Amino acid sequence: MSDGGMIVLPRTHPILKSAVEHQLELAEEVKNQDPNLDSKEKKKLGALSMTFYDFETSEYKVSINPKSSSVLTVSLRLPCYSEIKDTGVTDMLEKSYGDLVVDTEKGFSVSLAFDVMDPPKPKKELVELVINLKENILTAPLLLYFNEMKSGSLTDPFNFNLRPDTKMYIVPASGRVTVALRIALDNKVDLQVAEIFLKDYKEVQRRKAGGAPPALFSINAPEEVKGESRYSPEEKHVGFLTFAVQQQQMRNPKNTAAALVNFRSFLQYHLKCSKAFFHSRMRKKVREFLKVLNRAKTDFE
């Protein structure tokens, strides 16, 4: 999906959605099939064990063992989970997921489980809960600070490592919450491309995004995160992306929070697309120059 030439990445993992929907549909077919069918013709739940990855270096595992039970288990490994679990995440899991949360599978951050033959919620609602697990966890700290801003209470700033190369700062103030991303990029070229891209983003935002919070990019730390060094021994090419979220962006706080936690992946995707586009233009220009040189050759025979 695109808007003004910029591609908006999907907020959920398509493989996870497909796997959960398929198991629920198969279980429904198994329940509703004719009991008089021959055993060879009857549909049965199949064994499932799949692992796949997502942004923020996260990992999913979806498994079901029909020989022992019809319980589908979905586990998520999120490197930043230990940093944010006490900042709104635990309360969110209890409120939104309840009994779906089970003992965490070894090597993962959180696990959900439910019986596909007897699902605890309507199919659509259950699928939405499962596929939005990662986003709900990452947005919980932001939503906590947004709610506190609405109530007029101010708490201490909070920060965590959204990704190994990205640190998120949440800084509350009167009437707004500043969200800053400290981004370590691969090289100086990426920094320059990011700056150019974000200038275009700002223009698109001004024309089409209405009340979206402004995005400012700088190689220097903003006022809200003073004391942060521009460089570290491991990260030599660092930029800061800052959003000032005000009351007008709180009409739909969930979408605002989701856009903020997904913006790093959105930026990385467009950096790679921009560099690929530059390379294709350079290759095209080189081919044109070679044609000119070939036409300029003189036959001295």
Protein backbone atom coordinates (compact mmCIF):
# COMPACT_ATOMS: atom_id res chain seq x y z
CA MET A 1 0.00 0.00 0.00
CA SER A 2 1.37 3.45 -0.87
CA ASP A 3 0.58 7.07 -0.21
CA GLY A 4 2.25 9.83 -2.18
CA GLY A 5 4.83 7.37 -3.56
CA MET A 6 5.79 5.95 -0.16
CA ILE A 7 5.05 2.34 0.69
CA VAL A 8 3.38 1.58 4.01
CA LEU A 9 4.59 -1.76 5.36
CA PRO A 10 1.95 -4.17 6.72
CA ARG A 11 1.64 -4.04 10.50
CA THR A 12 1.23 -7.81 10.93
CA HIS A 13 3.11 -10.85 9.66
CA PRO A 14 1.26 -12.52 6.73
CA ILE A 15 2.69 -15.97 7.49
CA LEU A 16 1.43 -15.83 11.07
CA LYS A 17 -2.02 -14.76 9.94
CA SER A 18 -2.19 -17.47 7.28
CA ALA A 19 -1.06 -20.20 9.70
CA VAL A 20 -3.56 -19.30 12.45
CA GLU A 21 -6.48 -18.87 10.02
CA HIS A 22 -5.70 -22.17 8.30
CA GLN A 23 -5.64 -24.13 11.56
CA LEU A 24 -8.94 -22.63 12.72
CA GLU A 25 -10.59 -23.32 9.35
CA LEU A 26 -9.27 -26.88 9.29
CA ALA A 27 -10.52 -27.49 12.83
CA GLU A 28 -13.96 -26.21 11.82
CA GLU A 29 -14.04 -28.58 8.83
CA VAL A 30 -13.02 -31.49 11.06
CA LYS A 31 -15.83 -30.71 13.52
CA ASN A 32 -18.49 -30.31 10.84
CA GLN A 33 -17.65 -33.27 8.61
CA ASP A 34 -19.97 -36.24 8.23
CA PRO A 35 -19.30 -38.71 11.08
CA ASN A 36 -20.23 -41.59 8.76
CA LEU A 37 -17.30 -40.95 6.42
CA ASP A 38 -14.68 -43.62 6.04
CA SER A 39 -11.64 -42.98 8.23
CA LYS A 40 -9.48 -42.55 5.13
CA GLU A 41 -11.76 -39.81 3.84
CA LYS A 42 -12.02 -37.90 7.12
CA LYS A 43 -10.04 -34.73 7.50
CA LYS A 44 -7.70 -34.55 10.47
CA LEU A 45 -5.63 -31.92 12.17
CA GLY A 46 -2.09 -32.04 10.89
CA ALA A 47 1.09 -31.60 12.90
CA LEU A 48 2.56 -28.12 12.65
CA SER A 49 5.86 -26.62 13.73
CA MET A 50 7.14 -23.52 11.97
CA THR A 51 9.56 -20.75 12.87
CA PHE A 52 9.87 -17.43 11.05
CA TYR A 53 11.21 -13.94 11.66
CA ASP A 54 9.97 -10.38 11.58
CA PHE A 55 11.24 -6.82 12.04
CA GLU A 56 12.85 -5.76 15.35
CA THR A 57 14.83 -9.06 15.13
CA SER A 58 11.76 -10.84 16.48
CA GLU A 59 11.03 -14.54 16.03
CA TYR A 60 7.74 -16.48 15.93
CA LYS A 61 7.08 -20.13 16.50
CA VAL A 62 3.70 -21.69 15.68
CA SER A 63 3.14 -25.29 16.69
CA ILE A 64 0.46 -27.91 17.20
CA ASN A 65 0.74 -31.60 17.96
CA PRO A 66 -2.59 -33.33 17.14
CA LYS A 67 -1.38 -36.63 18.66
CA SER A 68 -1.38 -35.12 22.14
CA SER A 69 -3.91 -32.28 21.84
CA SER A 70 -5.56 -29.79 19.52
CA VAL A 71 -3.93 -26.81 21.22
CA LEU A 72 -2.21 -24.30 18.95
CA THR A 73 0.74 -22.51 20.57
CA VAL A 74 2.12 -19.22 19.26
CA SER A 75 5.36 -18.01 20.83
CA LEU A 76 7.13 -14.69 20.25
CA ARG A 77 10.74 -13.83 20.99
CA LEU A 78 11.32 -10.09 21.27
CA PRO A 79 14.79 -8.95 22.41
CA CYS A 80 13.48 -5.80 24.11
CA TYR A 81 10.73 -7.62 26.04
CA SER A 82 12.62 -7.72 29.35
CA GLU A 83 13.17 -3.95 29.14
CA ILE A 84 9.51 -3.01 28.62
CA LYS A 85 7.50 -5.76 30.32
CA ASP A 86 7.03 -3.67 33.49
CA THR A 87 6.05 -0.53 31.55
CA GLY A 88 2.49 -1.33 30.57
CA VAL A 89 3.11 -4.67 28.84
CA THR A 90 2.14 -7.02 31.69
CA ASP A 91 -1.08 -5.09 32.34
CA MET A 92 -1.90 -5.10 28.61
CA LEU A 93 -1.42 -8.87 28.36
CA GLU A 94 -3.66 -9.50 31.36
CA LYS A 95 -6.37 -7.19 30.06
CA SER A 96 -6.34 -8.06 26.35
CA TYR A 97 -5.22 -11.71 26.31
CA GLY A 98 -6.16 -13.11 29.72
CA ASP A 99 -6.16 -16.91 29.72
CA LEU A 100 -4.60 -17.05 26.25
CA VAL A 101 -1.24 -16.32 27.87
CA VAL A 102 0.42 -19.53 29.04
CA ASP A 103 3.79 -20.55 30.44
CA THR A 104 6.43 -19.17 28.12
CA GLU A 105 8.10 -21.61 25.79
CA LYS A 106 11.84 -21.91 26.35
CA GLY A 107 13.83 -19.33 24.40
CA PHE A 108 10.84 -17.03 23.82
CA SER A 109 9.42 -13.93 25.51
CA VAL A 110 5.70 -14.74 25.59
CA SER A 111 3.47 -17.63 24.52
CA LEU A 112 -0.22 -17.83 23.64
CA ALA A 113 -2.20 -21.06 23.40
CA PHE A 114 -5.78 -22.05 22.60
CA ASP A 115 -7.74 -25.10 21.50
CA VAL A 116 -8.53 -24.81 17.79
CA MET A 117 -11.38 -27.34 18.18
CA ASP A 118 -12.97 -25.16 20.85
CA PRO A 119 -11.71 -21.58 20.34
CA PRO A 120 -12.31 -19.25 23.31
CA LYS A 121 -13.30 -16.31 21.08
CA PRO A 122 -14.89 -15.71 17.66
CA LYS A 123 -12.49 -16.58 14.86
CA LYS A 124 -11.92 -13.04 13.56
CA GLU A 125 -11.34 -11.60 17.02
CA LEU A 126 -8.98 -14.42 17.96
CA VAL A 127 -6.90 -14.07 14.78
CA GLU A 128 -6.60 -10.30 15.29
CA LEU A 129 -5.39 -10.79 18.87
CA VAL A 130 -2.72 -13.30 17.85
CA ILE A 131 -1.34 -11.48 14.81
CA ASN A 132 -1.19 -8.16 16.69
CA LEU A 133 0.71 -9.59 19.66
CA LYS A 134 4.07 -8.01 18.81
CA GLU A 135 2.58 -4.61 18.00
CA ASN A 136 0.48 -4.64 21.17
CA ILE A 137 3.59 -5.35 23.26
CA LEU A 138 5.73 -2.66 21.61
CA THR A 139 3.01 0.00 21.79
CA ALA A 140 2.12 -0.65 25.45
CA PRO A 141 4.78 1.74 26.88
CA LEU A 142 3.75 4.51 24.46
CA LEU A 143 0.06 4.08 25.27
CA LEU A 144 0.88 4.22 28.98
CA TYR A 145 2.62 7.57 28.54
CA PHE A 146 -0.10 8.88 26.24
CA ASN A 147 -2.76 8.09 28.85
CA GLU A 148 -0.71 9.76 31.57
CA MET A 149 -0.36 12.87 29.41
CA LYS A 150 -4.13 12.99 28.94
CA SER A 151 -4.66 12.72 32.69
CA GLY A 152 -2.14 15.50 33.31
CA SER A 153 0.32 13.38 35.30
CA LEU A 154 4.00 13.43 34.35
CA THR A 155 6.39 10.53 34.95
CA ASP A 156 10.10 10.05 34.39
CA PRO A 157 11.38 9.59 30.84
CA PHE A 158 11.76 6.02 29.65
CA ASN A 159 13.99 4.43 27.03
CA PHE A 160 14.56 0.95 25.62
CA ASN A 161 16.31 -0.74 22.71
CA LEU A 162 13.63 -1.17 20.06
CA ARG A 163 16.17 -2.99 17.87
CA PRO A 164 19.87 -3.71 18.31
CA ASP A 165 20.57 -0.61 16.20
CA THR A 166 17.74 1.60 17.48
CA LYS A 167 16.98 3.07 20.89
CA MET A 168 13.61 4.67 21.63
CA TYR A 169 13.20 7.51 24.13
CA ILE A 170 9.80 8.50 25.52
CA VAL A 171 9.95 11.92 27.16
CA PRO A 172 6.73 13.31 28.69
CA ALA A 173 6.10 17.04 28.96
CA SER A 174 3.15 19.34 29.54
CA GLY A 175 0.72 18.85 26.65
CA ARG A 176 2.92 16.52 24.62
CA VAL A 177 5.06 13.37 24.58
CA THR A 178 8.31 13.51 22.65
CA VAL A 179 9.38 10.23 21.05
CA ALA A 180 12.97 10.09 19.81
CA LEU A 181 14.70 7.28 17.94
CA ARG A 182 18.48 6.97 18.14
CA ILE A 183 19.30 5.14 14.90
CA ALA A 184 22.64 3.56 14.07
CA LEU A 185 23.03 3.27 10.30
CA ASP A 186 25.55 1.25 8.32
CA ASN A 187 27.54 4.14 6.82
CA LYS A 188 27.63 7.85 6.02
CA VAL A 189 25.79 7.29 2.75
CA ASP A 190 22.80 5.87 4.64
CA LEU A 191 22.79 8.98 6.85
CA GLN A 192 22.66 11.26 3.82
CA VAL A 193 19.98 9.18 2.09
CA ALA A 194 17.92 9.14 5.31
CA GLU A 195 18.11 12.91 5.57
CA ILE A 196 16.98 13.36 1.96
CA PHE A 197 14.22 10.78 2.33
CA LEU A 198 12.89 12.38 5.52
CA LYS A 199 12.77 15.79 3.86
CA ASP A 200 10.51 14.26 1.20
CA TYR A 201 8.55 12.50 3.92
CA LYS A 202 8.02 15.81 5.70
CA GLU A 203 6.67 17.35 2.48
CA VAL A 204 4.28 14.44 1.90
CA GLN A 205 3.26 14.68 5.53
CA ARG A 206 2.55 18.40 5.22
CA ARG A 207 0.32 17.87 2.17
CA LYS A 208 -1.50 14.66 3.10
CA ALA A 209 -0.94 13.58 6.69
CA GLY A 210 -3.04 16.28 8.32
CA GLY A 211 -2.50 16.15 12.07
CA ALA A 212 0.40 13.68 12.10
CA PRO A 213 3.29 14.60 14.41
CA PRO A 214 6.21 16.27 12.58
CA ALA A 215 9.31 14.15 12.03
CA LEU A 216 12.70 15.84 12.48
CA PHE A 217 15.98 14.13 11.60
CA SER A 218 19.38 15.25 12.85
CA ILE A 219 22.84 13.79 13.42
CA ASN A 220 22.89 15.63 16.76
CA ALA A 221 20.92 14.53 19.82
CA PRO A 222 17.75 16.61 20.40
CA GLU A 223 17.25 18.65 23.56
CA GLU A 224 15.00 15.96 25.06
CA VAL A 225 17.82 13.40 25.17
CA LYS A 226 20.73 15.60 26.19
CA GLY A 227 23.71 13.65 27.38
CA GLU A 228 23.43 11.03 24.63
CA SER A 229 26.71 10.78 22.77
CA ARG A 230 26.51 11.13 19.04
CA TYR A 231 28.90 8.25 18.53
CA SER A 232 29.81 5.06 20.33
CA PRO A 233 32.67 2.67 19.57
CA GLU A 234 30.33 0.23 17.82
CA GLU A 235 28.02 2.80 16.18
CA LYS A 236 29.85 5.47 14.19
CA HIS A 237 27.00 6.64 11.98
CA VAL A 238 24.13 7.72 14.19
CA GLY A 239 21.10 9.91 13.56
CA PHE A 240 18.20 11.02 15.74
CA LEU A 241 14.60 10.98 14.55
CA THR A 242 12.22 12.96 16.78
CA PHE A 243 8.41 13.13 16.92
CA ALA A 244 6.44 15.55 19.10
CA VAL A 245 3.09 13.86 19.83
CA GLN A 246 0.47 16.37 20.99
CA GLN A 247 -3.18 16.21 21.98
CA GLN A 248 -4.40 16.38 18.38
CA GLN A 249 -2.62 13.09 17.61
CA MET A 250 -4.39 11.39 20.52
CA ARG A 251 -7.72 10.90 18.76
CA ASN A 252 -6.55 7.42 17.87
CA PRO A 253 -3.63 6.72 20.23
CA LYS A 254 -3.33 3.08 19.17
CA ASN A 255 -2.66 3.97 15.53
CA THR A 256 -0.29 6.76 16.56
CA ALA A 257 1.72 4.41 18.78
CA ALA A 258 1.79 1.70 16.08
CA ALA A 259 3.07 4.18 13.49
CA LEU A 260 5.87 5.26 15.83
CA VAL A 261 7.15 1.77 16.67
CA ASN A 262 6.94 0.72 13.01
CA PHE A 263 8.61 3.86 11.63
CA ARG A 264 12.14 2.44 12.02
CA SER A 265 11.31 -0.51 9.77
CA PHE A 266 9.52 1.87 7.38
CA LEU A 267 12.67 4.03 7.19
CA GLN A 268 15.00 1.05 6.72
CA TYR A 269 12.84 -0.32 3.90
CA HIS A 270 12.85 2.98 2.04
CA LEU A 271 16.59 3.43 2.54
CA LYS A 272 17.17 0.11 0.78
CA CYS A 273 14.66 1.01 -1.96
CA SER A 274 16.31 4.42 -2.48
CA LYS A 275 19.78 2.90 -2.79
CA ALA A 276 18.49 0.28 -5.23
CA PHE A 277 16.90 3.07 -7.29
CA PHE A 278 20.16 5.08 -7.30
CA HIS A 279 22.12 2.03 -8.45
CA SER A 280 19.65 1.30 -11.26
CA ARG A 281 19.90 4.92 -12.47
CA MET A 282 23.71 4.78 -12.39
CA ARG A 283 23.74 1.51 -14.35
CA LYS A 284 21.39 3.03 -16.91
CA LYS A 285 23.64 6.08 -17.28
CA VAL A 286 26.75 3.91 -17.66
CA ARG A 287 25.05 1.96 -20.45
CA GLU A 288 24.24 5.26 -22.21
CA PHE A 289 27.85 6.43 -21.91
CA LEU A 290 29.10 3.11 -23.31
CA LYS A 291 26.81 3.53 -26.33
CA VAL A 292 28.21 7.02 -26.90
CA LEU A 293 31.78 5.71 -26.67
CA ASN A 294 31.02 2.87 -29.08
CA ARG A 295 29.55 5.31 -31.61
CA ALA A 296 32.60 7.53 -31.27
CA LYS A 297 35.07 4.78 -32.33
CA THR A 298 36.81 5.44 -35.63
CA ASP A 299 37.66 2.70 -38.15
CA PHE A 300 41.27 3.31 -39.30
CA GLU A 301 41.38 0.42 -41.75
